[in-house]
Amino acid sequence: MKLTWCLDAHSVICPTCGALPMRHCRELSGNLREVTHLDRYRAFTHQRAISEGRAPGRSPGEREEHRAQIRTVDCPTCHVAAHEWCQWRSPRGRRAVHPARTEAYETATTSSTRHPVVSTK
């Protein structure tokens, strides 16, 4: 999955350093960067969403109730309880949830009960 992300991110021009598609990003000093700039990935996902005819920032088939209820399950990545923001290498909360939390929610909603798994903590 990470390899796919890298290939997707490299398919657009980097708005931060101007690296051409399929070329590595560069730091201001001119050194190559191992990881692409976050803006490059956002630009790619924005461009892809528009070309697919959907709103940027939304997954295909994503529903409003899905976005509203995504934090009703515990996050298996950072182990926060339901209804709390995900954490990432710092005590302050992330503005986005981990993909694993999304998968946990989808698994809960496809179960026979059709209800999200709510934390007991």
PDB file of N, CA and C in Angstrom:
ATOM      1  N   MET A   1       0.818  -1.182   0.000  1.00  0.00           N
ATOM      2  CA  MET A   1       0.000   0.000   0.000  1.00  0.00           C
ATOM      3  C   MET A   1       0.865   1.250   0.000  1.00  0.00           C
ATOM      4  N   LYS A   2       1.962   1.248   0.733  1.00  0.00           N
ATOM      5  CA  LYS A   2       2.834   2.403   0.783  1.00  0.00           C
ATOM      6  C   LYS A   2       3.468   2.664  -0.585  1.00  0.00           C
ATOM      7  N   LEU A   3       3.814   1.602  -1.309  1.00  0.00           N
ATOM      8  CA  LEU A   3       4.392   1.756  -2.632  1.00  0.00           C
ATOM      9  C   LEU A   3       3.406   2.435  -3.565  1.00  0.00           C
ATOM     10  N   THR A   4       2.138   2.036  -3.511  1.00  0.00           N
ATOM     11  CA  THR A   4       1.112   2.664  -4.335  1.00  0.00           C
ATOM     12  C   THR A   4       1.010   4.137  -4.020  1.00  0.00           C
ATOM     13  N   TRP A   5       1.041   4.491  -2.711  1.00  0.00           N
ATOM     14  CA  TRP A   5       0.961   5.890  -2.318  1.00  0.00           C
ATOM     15  C   TRP A   5       2.106   6.682  -2.926  1.00  0.00           C
ATOM     16  N   CYS A   6       3.315   6.144  -2.885  1.00  0.00           N
ATOM     17  CA  CYS A   6       4.472   6.841  -3.438  1.00  0.00           C
ATOM     18  C   CYS A   6       4.332   7.040  -4.937  1.00  0.00           C
ATOM     19  N   LEU A   7       3.876   6.014  -5.648  1.00  0.00           N
ATOM     20  CA  LEU A   7       3.701   6.153  -7.087  1.00  0.00           C
ATOM     21  C   LEU A   7       2.640   7.185  -7.406  1.00  0.00           C
ATOM     22  N   ASP A   8       1.535   7.192  -6.650  1.00  0.00           N
ATOM     23  CA  ASP A   8       0.484   8.172  -6.869  1.00  0.00           C
ATOM     24  C   ASP A   8       0.990   9.582  -6.594  1.00  0.00           C
ATOM     25  N   ALA A   9       1.708   9.777  -5.508  1.00  0.00           N
ATOM     26  CA  ALA A   9       2.192  11.095  -5.132  1.00  0.00           C
ATOM     27  C   ALA A   9       3.208  11.621  -6.135  1.00  0.00           C
ATOM     28  N   HIS A  10       3.985  10.746  -6.721  1.00  0.00           N
ATOM     29  CA  HIS A  10       4.981  11.180  -7.693  1.00  0.00           C
ATOM     30  C   HIS A  10       4.401  11.448  -9.075  1.00  0.00           C
ATOM     31  N   SER A  11       3.109  11.219  -9.271  1.00  0.00           N
ATOM     32  CA  SER A  11       2.538  11.380 -10.604  1.00  0.00           C
ATOM     33  C   SER A  11       2.129  12.815 -10.913  1.00  0.00           C
ATOM     34  N   VAL A  12       2.316  13.735  -9.975  1.00  0.00           N
ATOM     35  CA  VAL A  12       1.998  15.145 -10.205  1.00  0.00           C
ATOM     36  C   VAL A  12       3.231  15.988  -9.908  1.00  0.00           C
ATOM     37  N   ILE A  13       3.225  17.208 -10.412  1.00  0.00           N
ATOM     38  CA  ILE A  13       4.303  18.150 -10.102  1.00  0.00           C
ATOM     39  C   ILE A  13       4.175  18.549  -8.637  1.00  0.00           C
ATOM     40  N   CYS A  14       5.288  18.601  -7.927  1.00  0.00           N
ATOM     41  CA  CYS A  14       5.261  18.986  -6.519  1.00  0.00           C
ATOM     42  C   CYS A  14       5.095  20.502  -6.415  1.00  0.00           C
ATOM     43  N   PRO A  15       4.029  20.979  -5.763  1.00  0.00           N
ATOM     44  CA  PRO A  15       3.841  22.421  -5.643  1.00  0.00           C
ATOM     45  C   PRO A  15       4.825  23.077  -4.677  1.00  0.00           C
ATOM     46  N   THR A  16       5.493  22.294  -3.853  1.00  0.00           N
ATOM     47  CA  THR A  16       6.427  22.838  -2.871  1.00  0.00           C
ATOM     48  C   THR A  16       7.799  23.111  -3.472  1.00  0.00           C
ATOM     49  N   CYS A  17       8.369  22.101  -4.151  1.00  0.00           N
ATOM     50  CA  CYS A  17       9.725  22.268  -4.681  1.00  0.00           C
ATOM     51  C   CYS A  17       9.775  22.277  -6.204  1.00  0.00           C
ATOM     52  N   GLY A  18       8.645  22.023  -6.871  1.00  0.00           N
ATOM     53  CA  GLY A  18       8.601  22.055  -8.328  1.00  0.00           C
ATOM     54  C   GLY A  18       9.127  20.807  -9.004  1.00  0.00           C
ATOM     55  N   ALA A  19       9.326  19.727  -8.258  1.00  0.00           N
ATOM     56  CA  ALA A  19       9.820  18.482  -8.861  1.00  0.00           C
ATOM     57  C   ALA A  19       8.817  17.976  -9.890  1.00  0.00           C
ATOM     58  N   LEU A  20       9.322  17.550 -11.029  1.00  0.00           N
ATOM     59  CA  LEU A  20       8.472  17.041 -12.099  1.00  0.00           C
ATOM     60  C   LEU A  20       7.916  15.669 -11.740  1.00  0.00           C
ATOM     61  N   PRO A  21       6.837  15.243 -12.414  1.00  0.00           N
ATOM     62  CA  PRO A  21       6.296  13.910 -12.138  1.00  0.00           C
ATOM     63  C   PRO A  21       7.370  12.835 -12.286  1.00  0.00           C
ATOM     64  N   MET A  22       7.293  11.837 -11.423  1.00  0.00           N
ATOM     65  CA  MET A  22       8.214  10.700 -11.375  1.00  0.00           C
ATOM     66  C   MET A  22       9.640  11.094 -10.977  1.00  0.00           C
ATOM     67  N   ARG A  23       9.843  12.282 -10.438  1.00  0.00           N
ATOM     68  CA  ARG A  23      11.141  12.718  -9.907  1.00  0.00           C
ATOM     69  C   ARG A  23      11.000  12.932  -8.407  1.00  0.00           C
ATOM     70  N   HIS A  24      12.086  12.751  -7.672  1.00  0.00           N
ATOM     71  CA  HIS A  24      12.056  12.953  -6.226  1.00  0.00           C
ATOM     72  C   HIS A  24      11.970  14.433  -5.891  1.00  0.00           C
ATOM     73  N   CYS A  25      11.325  14.725  -4.753  1.00  0.00           N
ATOM     74  CA  CYS A  25      11.284  16.095  -4.252  1.00  0.00           C
ATOM     75  C   CYS A  25      12.684  16.492  -3.784  1.00  0.00           C
ATOM     76  N   ARG A  26      12.911  17.794  -3.715  1.00  0.00           N
ATOM     77  CA  ARG A  26      14.202  18.308  -3.262  1.00  0.00           C
ATOM     78  C   ARG A  26      13.997  19.279  -2.109  1.00  0.00           C
ATOM     79  N   GLU A  27      14.978  19.306  -1.209  1.00  0.00           N
ATOM     80  CA  GLU A  27      14.975  20.281  -0.125  1.00  0.00           C
ATOM     81  C   GLU A  27      15.453  21.610  -0.690  1.00  0.00           C
ATOM     82  N   LEU A  28      15.344  22.685   0.091  1.00  0.00           N
ATOM     83  CA  LEU A  28      15.816  23.989  -0.367  1.00  0.00           C
ATOM     84  C   LEU A  28      17.310  23.973  -0.656  1.00  0.00           C
ATOM     85  N   SER A  29      18.051  23.114   0.041  1.00  0.00           N
ATOM     86  CA  SER A  29      19.494  23.013  -0.173  1.00  0.00           C
ATOM     87  C   SER A  29      19.829  22.278  -1.469  1.00  0.00           C
ATOM     88  N   GLY A  30      18.831  21.636  -2.081  1.00  0.00           N
ATOM     89  CA  GLY A  30      19.069  20.897  -3.314  1.00  0.00           C
ATOM     90  C   GLY A  30      19.205  19.401  -3.118  1.00  0.00           C
ATOM     91  N   ASN A  31      19.292  18.945  -1.867  1.00  0.00           N
ATOM     92  CA  ASN A  31      19.395  17.512  -1.593  1.00  0.00           C
ATOM     93  C   ASN A  31      18.077  16.815  -1.901  1.00  0.00           C
ATOM     94  N   LEU A  32      18.170  15.569  -2.365  1.00  0.00           N
ATOM     95  CA  LEU A  32      16.961  14.792  -2.623  1.00  0.00           C
ATOM     96  C   LEU A  32      16.282  14.432  -1.312  1.00  0.00           C
ATOM     97  N   ARG A  33      14.961  14.393  -1.328  1.00  0.00           N
ATOM     98  CA  ARG A  33      14.195  13.990  -0.151  1.00  0.00           C
ATOM     99  C   ARG A  33      13.746  12.557  -0.332  1.00  0.00           C
ATOM    100  N   GLU A  34      13.809  11.774   0.738  1.00  0.00           N
ATOM    101  CA  GLU A  34      13.339  10.392   0.696  1.00  0.00           C
ATOM    102  C   GLU A  34      11.819  10.339   0.609  1.00  0.00           C
ATOM    103  N   VAL A  35      11.156  11.249   1.302  1.00  0.00           N
ATOM    104  CA  VAL A  35       9.704  11.263   1.373  1.00  0.00           C
ATOM    105  C   VAL A  35       9.191  12.468   0.599  1.00  0.00           C
ATOM    106  N   THR A  36       8.091  12.293  -0.105  1.00  0.00           N
ATOM    107  CA  THR A  36       7.534  13.407  -0.864  1.00  0.00           C
ATOM    108  C   THR A  36       6.883  14.412   0.070  1.00  0.00           C
ATOM    109  N   HIS A  37       6.693  15.615  -0.419  1.00  0.00           N
ATOM    110  CA  HIS A  37       6.021  16.637   0.358  1.00  0.00           C
ATOM    111  C   HIS A  37       4.536  16.310   0.484  1.00  0.00           C
ATOM    112  N   LEU A  38       3.995  16.608   1.640  1.00  0.00           N
ATOM    113  CA  LEU A  38       2.576  16.344   1.874  1.00  0.00           C
ATOM    114  C   LEU A  38       1.706  17.088   0.862  1.00  0.00           C
ATOM    115  N   ASP A  39       2.115  18.294   0.501  1.00  0.00           N
ATOM    116  CA  ASP A  39       1.344  19.056  -0.479  1.00  0.00           C
ATOM    117  C   ASP A  39       1.273  18.348  -1.822  1.00  0.00           C
ATOM    118  N   ARG A  40       2.316  17.625  -2.159  1.00  0.00           N
ATOM    119  CA  ARG A  40       2.315  16.905  -3.432  1.00  0.00           C
ATOM    120  C   ARG A  40       1.240  15.829  -3.427  1.00  0.00           C
ATOM    121  N   TYR A  41       1.131  15.143  -2.327  1.00  0.00           N
ATOM    122  CA  TYR A  41       0.108  14.114  -2.222  1.00  0.00           C
ATOM    123  C   TYR A  41      -1.290  14.732  -2.226  1.00  0.00           C
ATOM    124  N   ARG A  42      -1.455  15.826  -1.498  1.00  0.00           N
ATOM    125  CA  ARG A  42      -2.758  16.494  -1.488  1.00  0.00           C
ATOM    126  C   ARG A  42      -3.133  16.983  -2.883  1.00  0.00           C
ATOM    127  N   ALA A  43      -2.156  17.512  -3.607  1.00  0.00           N
ATOM    128  CA  ALA A  43      -2.422  17.962  -4.974  1.00  0.00           C
ATOM    129  C   ALA A  43      -2.855  16.797  -5.845  1.00  0.00           C
ATOM    130  N   PHE A  44      -2.203  15.672  -5.663  1.00  0.00           N
ATOM    131  CA  PHE A  44      -2.574  14.500  -6.455  1.00  0.00           C
ATOM    132  C   PHE A  44      -3.987  14.052  -6.138  1.00  0.00           C
ATOM    133  N   THR A  45      -4.317  13.922  -4.854  1.00  0.00           N
ATOM    134  CA  THR A  45      -5.650  13.444  -4.494  1.00  0.00           C
ATOM    135  C   THR A  45      -6.723  14.428  -4.934  1.00  0.00           C
ATOM    136  N   HIS A  46      -6.409  15.710  -4.875  1.00  0.00           N
ATOM    137  CA  HIS A  46      -7.356  16.723  -5.340  1.00  0.00           C
ATOM    138  C   HIS A  46      -7.586  16.585  -6.845  1.00  0.00           C
ATOM    139  N   GLN A  47      -6.497  16.448  -7.581  1.00  0.00           N
ATOM    140  CA  GLN A  47      -6.592  16.301  -9.034  1.00  0.00           C
ATOM    141  C   GLN A  47      -7.350  15.022  -9.397  1.00  0.00           C
ATOM    142  N   ARG A  48      -7.084  13.941  -8.705  1.00  0.00           N
ATOM    143  CA  ARG A  48      -7.755  12.675  -8.976  1.00  0.00           C
ATOM    144  C   ARG A  48      -9.246  12.767  -8.665  1.00  0.00           C
ATOM    145  N   ALA A  49      -9.597  13.418  -7.562  1.00  0.00           N
ATOM    146  CA  ALA A  49     -11.007  13.542  -7.190  1.00  0.00           C
ATOM    147  C   ALA A  49     -11.786  14.314  -8.242  1.00  0.00           C
ATOM    148  N   ILE A  50     -11.217  15.394  -8.721  1.00  0.00           N
ATOM    149  CA  ILE A  50     -11.902  16.195  -9.733  1.00  0.00           C
ATOM    150  C   ILE A  50     -12.059  15.412 -11.023  1.00  0.00           C
ATOM    151  N   SER A  51     -11.023  14.688 -11.422  1.00  0.00           N
ATOM    152  CA  SER A  51     -11.109  13.915 -12.665  1.00  0.00           C
ATOM    153  C   SER A  51     -12.115  12.775 -12.557  1.00  0.00           C
ATOM    154  N   GLU A  52     -12.377  12.283 -11.341  1.00  0.00           N
ATOM    155  CA  GLU A  52     -13.360  11.221 -11.129  1.00  0.00           C
ATOM    156  C   GLU A  52     -14.756  11.769 -10.884  1.00  0.00           C
ATOM    157  N   GLY A  53     -14.905  13.095 -10.873  1.00  0.00           N
ATOM    158  CA  GLY A  53     -16.212  13.709 -10.709  1.00  0.00           C
ATOM    159  C   GLY A  53     -16.766  13.654  -9.304  1.00  0.00           C
ATOM    160  N   ARG A  54     -15.897  13.727  -8.291  1.00  0.00           N
ATOM    161  CA  ARG A  54     -16.374  13.728  -6.913  1.00  0.00           C
ATOM    162  C   ARG A  54     -15.714  14.873  -6.157  1.00  0.00           C
ATOM    163  N   ALA A  55     -16.232  15.170  -4.996  1.00  0.00           N
ATOM    164  CA  ALA A  55     -15.704  16.263  -4.190  1.00  0.00           C
ATOM    165  C   ALA A  55     -14.315  15.910  -3.665  1.00  0.00           C
ATOM    166  N   PRO A  56     -13.348  16.835  -3.735  1.00  0.00           N
ATOM    167  CA  PRO A  56     -12.020  16.566  -3.182  1.00  0.00           C
ATOM    168  C   PRO A  56     -12.098  16.255  -1.693  1.00  0.00           C
ATOM    169  N   GLY A  57     -11.277  15.307  -1.248  1.00  0.00           N
ATOM    170  CA  GLY A  57     -11.235  14.930   0.158  1.00  0.00           C
ATOM    171  C   GLY A  57     -12.219  13.846   0.542  1.00  0.00           C
ATOM    172  N   ARG A  58     -12.965  13.346  -0.412  1.00  0.00           N
ATOM    173  CA  ARG A  58     -13.933  12.291  -0.138  1.00  0.00           C
ATOM    174  C   ARG A  58     -13.532  11.022  -0.867  1.00  0.00           C
ATOM    175  N   SER A  59     -13.707   9.895  -0.235  1.00  0.00           N
ATOM    176  CA  SER A  59     -13.467   8.614  -0.885  1.00  0.00           C
ATOM    177  C   SER A  59     -14.653   8.292  -1.777  1.00  0.00           C
ATOM    178  N   PRO A  60     -14.448   7.498  -2.826  1.00  0.00           N
ATOM    179  CA  PRO A  60     -15.588   7.123  -3.657  1.00  0.00           C
ATOM    180  C   PRO A  60     -16.651   6.412  -2.822  1.00  0.00           C
ATOM    181  N   GLY A  61     -17.871   6.861  -2.925  1.00  0.00           N
ATOM    182  CA  GLY A  61     -18.967   6.232  -2.205  1.00  0.00           C
ATOM    183  C   GLY A  61     -19.046   6.594  -0.733  1.00  0.00           C
ATOM    184  N   GLU A  62     -18.266   7.561  -0.294  1.00  0.00           N
ATOM    185  CA  GLU A  62     -18.266   7.928   1.122  1.00  0.00           C
ATOM    186  C   GLU A  62     -19.558   8.668   1.461  1.00  0.00           C
ATOM    187  N   ARG A  63     -20.171   8.320   2.573  1.00  0.00           N
ATOM    188  CA  ARG A  63     -21.441   8.905   2.972  1.00  0.00           C
ATOM    189  C   ARG A  63     -21.218   9.896   4.109  1.00  0.00           C
ATOM    190  N   GLU A  64     -22.155  10.854   4.251  1.00  0.00           N
ATOM    191  CA  GLU A  64     -22.056  11.833   5.333  1.00  0.00           C
ATOM    192  C   GLU A  64     -22.095  11.161   6.702  1.00  0.00           C
ATOM    193  N   GLU A  65     -22.988  10.161   6.872  1.00  0.00           N
ATOM    194  CA  GLU A  65     -23.052   9.515   8.182  1.00  0.00           C
ATOM    195  C   GLU A  65     -21.760   8.766   8.489  1.00  0.00           C
ATOM    196  N   HIS A  66     -21.083   8.298   7.445  1.00  0.00           N
ATOM    197  CA  HIS A  66     -19.797   7.629   7.641  1.00  0.00           C
ATOM    198  C   HIS A  66     -18.793   8.615   8.225  1.00  0.00           C
ATOM    199  N   ARG A  67     -18.716   9.809   7.661  1.00  0.00           N
ATOM    200  CA  ARG A  67     -17.773  10.813   8.149  1.00  0.00           C
ATOM    201  C   ARG A  67     -18.127  11.249   9.570  1.00  0.00           C
ATOM    202  N   ALA A  68     -19.415  11.337   9.869  1.00  0.00           N
ATOM    203  CA  ALA A  68     -19.847  11.785  11.191  1.00  0.00           C
ATOM    204  C   ALA A  68     -19.622  10.719  12.259  1.00  0.00           C
ATOM    205  N   GLN A  69     -19.652   9.450  11.882  1.00  0.00           N
ATOM    206  CA  GLN A  69     -19.577   8.371  12.863  1.00  0.00           C
ATOM    207  C   GLN A  69     -18.228   7.671  12.909  1.00  0.00           C
ATOM    208  N   ILE A  70     -17.248   8.131  12.176  1.00  0.00           N
ATOM    209  CA  ILE A  70     -15.993   7.391  12.065  1.00  0.00           C
ATOM    210  C   ILE A  70     -15.295   7.246  13.411  1.00  0.00           C
ATOM    211  N   ARG A  71     -15.470   8.210  14.316  1.00  0.00           N
ATOM    212  CA  ARG A  71     -14.796   8.117  15.607  1.00  0.00           C
ATOM    213  C   ARG A  71     -15.620   7.375  16.645  1.00  0.00           C
ATOM    214  N   THR A  72     -16.657   6.643  16.229  1.00  0.00           N
ATOM    215  CA  THR A  72     -17.439   5.868  17.194  1.00  0.00           C
ATOM    216  C   THR A  72     -16.788   4.529  17.506  1.00  0.00           C
ATOM    217  N   VAL A  73     -15.629   4.262  16.914  1.00  0.00           N
ATOM    218  CA  VAL A  73     -14.889   3.034  17.199  1.00  0.00           C
ATOM    219  C   VAL A  73     -13.519   3.397  17.749  1.00  0.00           C
ATOM    220  N   ASP A  74     -12.945   2.490  18.526  1.00  0.00           N
ATOM    221  CA  ASP A  74     -11.576   2.689  19.005  1.00  0.00           C
ATOM    222  C   ASP A  74     -10.630   2.645  17.818  1.00  0.00           C
ATOM    223  N   CYS A  75      -9.540   3.420  17.873  1.00  0.00           N
ATOM    224  CA  CYS A  75      -8.553   3.393  16.800  1.00  0.00           C
ATOM    225  C   CYS A  75      -7.530   2.298  17.090  1.00  0.00           C
ATOM    226  N   PRO A  76      -7.412   1.315  16.196  1.00  0.00           N
ATOM    227  CA  PRO A  76      -6.442   0.251  16.431  1.00  0.00           C
ATOM    228  C   PRO A  76      -4.998   0.682  16.185  1.00  0.00           C
ATOM    229  N   THR A  77      -4.788   1.837  15.573  1.00  0.00           N
ATOM    230  CA  THR A  77      -3.437   2.303  15.282  1.00  0.00           C
ATOM    231  C   THR A  77      -2.815   3.018  16.474  1.00  0.00           C
ATOM    232  N   CYS A  78      -3.532   4.001  17.025  1.00  0.00           N
ATOM    233  CA  CYS A  78      -2.960   4.770  18.136  1.00  0.00           C
ATOM    234  C   CYS A  78      -3.633   4.470  19.469  1.00  0.00           C
ATOM    235  N   HIS A  79      -4.616   3.571  19.466  1.00  0.00           N
ATOM    236  CA  HIS A  79      -5.260   3.062  20.679  1.00  0.00           C
ATOM    237  C   HIS A  79      -5.999   4.115  21.493  1.00  0.00           C
ATOM    238  N   VAL A  80      -6.574   5.113  20.825  1.00  0.00           N
ATOM    239  CA  VAL A  80      -7.415   6.063  21.554  1.00  0.00           C
ATOM    240  C   VAL A  80      -8.825   5.502  21.625  1.00  0.00           C
ATOM    241  N   ALA A  81      -9.547   5.923  22.641  1.00  0.00           N
ATOM    242  CA  ALA A  81     -10.923   5.461  22.820  1.00  0.00           C
ATOM    243  C   ALA A  81     -11.840   6.113  21.789  1.00  0.00           C
ATOM    244  N   ALA A  82     -13.020   5.559  21.662  1.00  0.00           N
ATOM    245  CA  ALA A  82     -14.005   6.113  20.737  1.00  0.00           C
ATOM    246  C   ALA A  82     -14.307   7.568  21.096  1.00  0.00           C
ATOM    247  N   HIS A  83     -14.646   8.351  20.099  1.00  0.00           N
ATOM    248  CA  HIS A  83     -15.013   9.764  20.214  1.00  0.00           C
ATOM    249  C   HIS A  83     -13.830  10.669  20.555  1.00  0.00           C
ATOM    250  N   GLU A  84     -12.611  10.173  20.524  1.00  0.00           N
ATOM    251  CA  GLU A  84     -11.430  11.007  20.747  1.00  0.00           C
ATOM    252  C   GLU A  84     -10.658  11.135  19.442  1.00  0.00           C
ATOM    253  N   TRP A  85      -9.916  12.237  19.301  1.00  0.00           N
ATOM    254  CA  TRP A  85      -9.082  12.430  18.118  1.00  0.00           C
ATOM    255  C   TRP A  85      -7.930  11.435  18.128  1.00  0.00           C
ATOM    256  N   CYS A  86      -7.537  10.982  16.955  1.00  0.00           N
ATOM    257  CA  CYS A  86      -6.366  10.114  16.850  1.00  0.00           C
ATOM    258  C   CYS A  86      -5.113  10.899  17.226  1.00  0.00           C
ATOM    259  N   GLN A  87      -4.104  10.195  17.726  1.00  0.00           N
ATOM    260  CA  GLN A  87      -2.835  10.811  18.112  1.00  0.00           C
ATOM    261  C   GLN A  87      -1.760  10.365  17.134  1.00  0.00           C
ATOM    262  N   TRP A  88      -0.757  11.190  16.904  1.00  0.00           N
ATOM    263  CA  TRP A  88       0.326  10.821  16.014  1.00  0.00           C
ATOM    264  C   TRP A  88       1.604  11.485  16.464  1.00  0.00           C
ATOM    265  N   ARG A  89       2.427  10.730  17.160  1.00  0.00           N
ATOM    266  CA  ARG A  89       3.767  11.159  17.589  1.00  0.00           C
ATOM    267  C   ARG A  89       3.764  12.449  18.415  1.00  0.00           C
ATOM    268  N   SER A  90       2.625  12.835  18.913  1.00  0.00           N
ATOM    269  CA  SER A  90       2.559  13.994  19.791  1.00  0.00           C
ATOM    270  C   SER A  90       1.262  13.908  20.583  1.00  0.00           C
ATOM    271  N   PRO A  91       1.210  14.582  21.727  1.00  0.00           N
ATOM    272  CA  PRO A  91      -0.013  14.507  22.522  1.00  0.00           C
ATOM    273  C   PRO A  91      -1.193  15.261  21.906  1.00  0.00           C
ATOM    274  N   ARG A  92      -0.950  16.145  20.958  1.00  0.00           N
ATOM    275  CA  ARG A  92      -2.084  16.865  20.367  1.00  0.00           C
ATOM    276  C   ARG A  92      -2.772  16.000  19.317  1.00  0.00           C
ATOM    277  N   GLY A  93      -4.030  16.159  19.183  1.00  0.00           N
ATOM    278  CA  GLY A  93      -4.818  15.302  18.297  1.00  0.00           C
ATOM    279  C   GLY A  93      -4.602  15.576  16.822  1.00  0.00           C
ATOM    280  N   ARG A  94      -4.768  14.532  16.015  1.00  0.00           N
ATOM    281  CA  ARG A  94      -4.712  14.670  14.564  1.00  0.00           C
ATOM    282  C   ARG A  94      -6.031  15.219  14.065  1.00  0.00           C
ATOM    283  N   ARG A  95      -5.998  15.906  12.960  1.00  0.00           N
ATOM    284  CA  ARG A  95      -7.218  16.411  12.344  1.00  0.00           C
ATOM    285  C   ARG A  95      -7.866  15.355  11.465  1.00  0.00           C
ATOM    286  N   ALA A  96      -7.159  14.317  11.130  1.00  0.00           N
ATOM    287  CA  ALA A  96      -7.714  13.228  10.316  1.00  0.00           C
ATOM    288  C   ALA A  96      -7.577  11.933  11.096  1.00  0.00           C
ATOM    289  N   VAL A  97      -8.427  11.004  10.809  1.00  0.00           N
ATOM    290  CA  VAL A  97      -8.360   9.715  11.483  1.00  0.00           C
ATOM    291  C   VAL A  97      -7.494   8.762  10.691  1.00  0.00           C
ATOM    292  N   HIS A  98      -6.963   7.764  11.362  1.00  0.00           N
ATOM    293  CA  HIS A  98      -6.122   6.774  10.704  1.00  0.00           C
ATOM    294  C   HIS A  98      -6.952   5.894   9.778  1.00  0.00           C
ATOM    295  N   PRO A  99      -6.377   5.453   8.658  1.00  0.00           N
ATOM    296  CA  PRO A  99      -7.085   4.530   7.771  1.00  0.00           C
ATOM    297  C   PRO A  99      -7.545   3.264   8.484  1.00  0.00           C
ATOM    298  N   ALA A 100      -6.779   2.818   9.468  1.00  0.00           N
ATOM    299  CA  ALA A 100      -7.176   1.617  10.211  1.00  0.00           C
ATOM    300  C   ALA A 100      -8.475   1.847  10.971  1.00  0.00           C
ATOM    301  N   ARG A 101      -8.683   3.052  11.448  1.00  0.00           N
ATOM    302  CA  ARG A 101      -9.923   3.357  12.150  1.00  0.00           C
ATOM    303  C   ARG A 101     -11.095   3.324  11.171  1.00  0.00           C
ATOM    304  N   THR A 102     -10.855   3.813   9.975  1.00  0.00           N
ATOM    305  CA  THR A 102     -11.878   3.772   8.941  1.00  0.00           C
ATOM    306  C   THR A 102     -12.234   2.329   8.620  1.00  0.00           C
ATOM    307  N   GLU A 103     -11.228   1.487   8.474  1.00  0.00           N
ATOM    308  CA  GLU A 103     -11.483   0.077   8.189  1.00  0.00           C
ATOM    309  C   GLU A 103     -12.240  -0.584   9.339  1.00  0.00           C
ATOM    310  N   ALA A 104     -11.898  -0.209  10.568  1.00  0.00           N
ATOM    311  CA  ALA A 104     -12.602  -0.774  11.722  1.00  0.00           C
ATOM    312  C   ALA A 104     -14.070  -0.375  11.694  1.00  0.00           C
ATOM    313  N   TYR A 105     -14.321   0.854  11.319  1.00  0.00           N
ATOM    314  CA  TYR A 105     -15.707   1.309  11.238  1.00  0.00           C
ATOM    315  C   TYR A 105     -16.457   0.542  10.148  1.00  0.00           C
ATOM    316  N   GLU A 106     -15.830   0.416   8.980  1.00  0.00           N
ATOM    317  CA  GLU A 106     -16.481  -0.297   7.883  1.00  0.00           C
ATOM    318  C   GLU A 106     -16.753  -1.747   8.257  1.00  0.00           C
ATOM    319  N   THR A 107     -15.829  -2.365   8.969  1.00  0.00           N
ATOM    320  CA  THR A 107     -16.032  -3.737   9.420  1.00  0.00           C
ATOM    321  C   THR A 107     -17.221  -3.811  10.374  1.00  0.00           C
ATOM    322  N   ALA A 108     -17.313  -2.838  11.264  1.00  0.00           N
ATOM    323  CA  ALA A 108     -18.419  -2.826  12.227  1.00  0.00           C
ATOM    324  C   ALA A 108     -19.762  -2.623  11.531  1.00  0.00           C
ATOM    325  N   THR A 109     -19.805  -1.780  10.516  1.00  0.00           N
ATOM    326  CA  THR A 109     -21.076  -1.502   9.848  1.00  0.00           C
ATOM    327  C   THR A 109     -21.491  -2.608   8.898  1.00  0.00           C
ATOM    328  N   THR A 110     -20.574  -3.478   8.500  1.00  0.00           N
ATOM    329  CA  THR A 110     -20.951  -4.590   7.629  1.00  0.00           C
ATOM    330  C   THR A 110     -21.263  -5.853   8.415  1.00  0.00           C
ATOM    331  N   SER A 111     -21.199  -5.755   9.744  1.00  0.00           N
ATOM    332  CA  SER A 111     -21.536  -6.926  10.562  1.00  0.00           C
ATOM    333  C   SER A 111     -23.043  -7.163  10.519  1.00  0.00           C
ATOM    334  N   SER A 112     -23.484  -8.250  11.099  1.00  0.00           N
ATOM    335  CA  SER A 112     -24.907  -8.596  11.059  1.00  0.00           C
ATOM    336  C   SER A 112     -25.773  -7.603  11.829  1.00  0.00           C
ATOM    337  N   THR A 113     -25.204  -6.900  12.801  1.00  0.00           N
ATOM    338  CA  THR A 113     -25.996  -5.951  13.582  1.00  0.00           C
ATOM    339  C   THR A 113     -26.154  -4.615  12.877  1.00  0.00           C
ATOM    340  N   ARG A 114     -25.269  -4.307  11.972  1.00  0.00           N
ATOM    341  CA  ARG A 114     -25.290  -3.045  11.243  1.00  0.00           C
ATOM    342  C   ARG A 114     -25.149  -1.827  12.156  1.00  0.00           C
ATOM    343  N   HIS A 115     -24.516  -2.003  13.319  1.00  0.00           N
ATOM    344  CA  HIS A 115     -24.284  -0.898  14.234  1.00  0.00           C
ATOM    345  C   HIS A 115     -22.788  -0.776  14.473  1.00  0.00           C
ATOM    346  N   PRO A 116     -22.275   0.474  14.593  1.00  0.00           N
ATOM    347  CA  PRO A 116     -20.849   0.625  14.856  1.00  0.00           C
ATOM    348  C   PRO A 116     -20.476   0.094  16.234  1.00  0.00           C
ATOM    349  N   VAL A 117     -19.251  -0.361  16.354  1.00  0.00           N
ATOM    350  CA  VAL A 117     -18.748  -0.854  17.630  1.00  0.00           C
ATOM    351  C   VAL A 117     -18.422   0.358  18.489  1.00  0.00           C
ATOM    352  N   VAL A 118     -19.035   0.455  19.625  1.00  0.00           N
ATOM    353  CA  VAL A 118     -18.824   1.589  20.516  1.00  0.00           C
ATOM    354  C   VAL A 118     -17.900   1.150  21.636  1.00  0.00           C
ATOM    355  N   SER A 119     -16.999   2.031  21.998  1.00  0.00           N
ATOM    356  CA  SER A 119     -16.030   1.728  23.041  1.00  0.00           C
ATOM    357  C   SER A 119     -16.715   1.510  24.380  1.00  0.00           C
ATOM    358  N   THR A 120     -16.169   0.608  25.154  1.00  0.00           N
ATOM    359  CA  THR A 120     -16.677   0.362  26.506  1.00  0.00           C
ATOM    360  C   THR A 120     -15.825   1.057  27.547  1.00  0.00           C
ATOM    361  N   LYS A 121     -14.863   1.854  27.102  1.00  0.00           N
ATOM    362  CA  LYS A 121     -13.954   2.541  28.033  1.00  0.00           C
ATOM    363  C   LYS A 121     -14.617   3.758  28.637  1.00  0.00           C
TER     364      LYS A 121
END
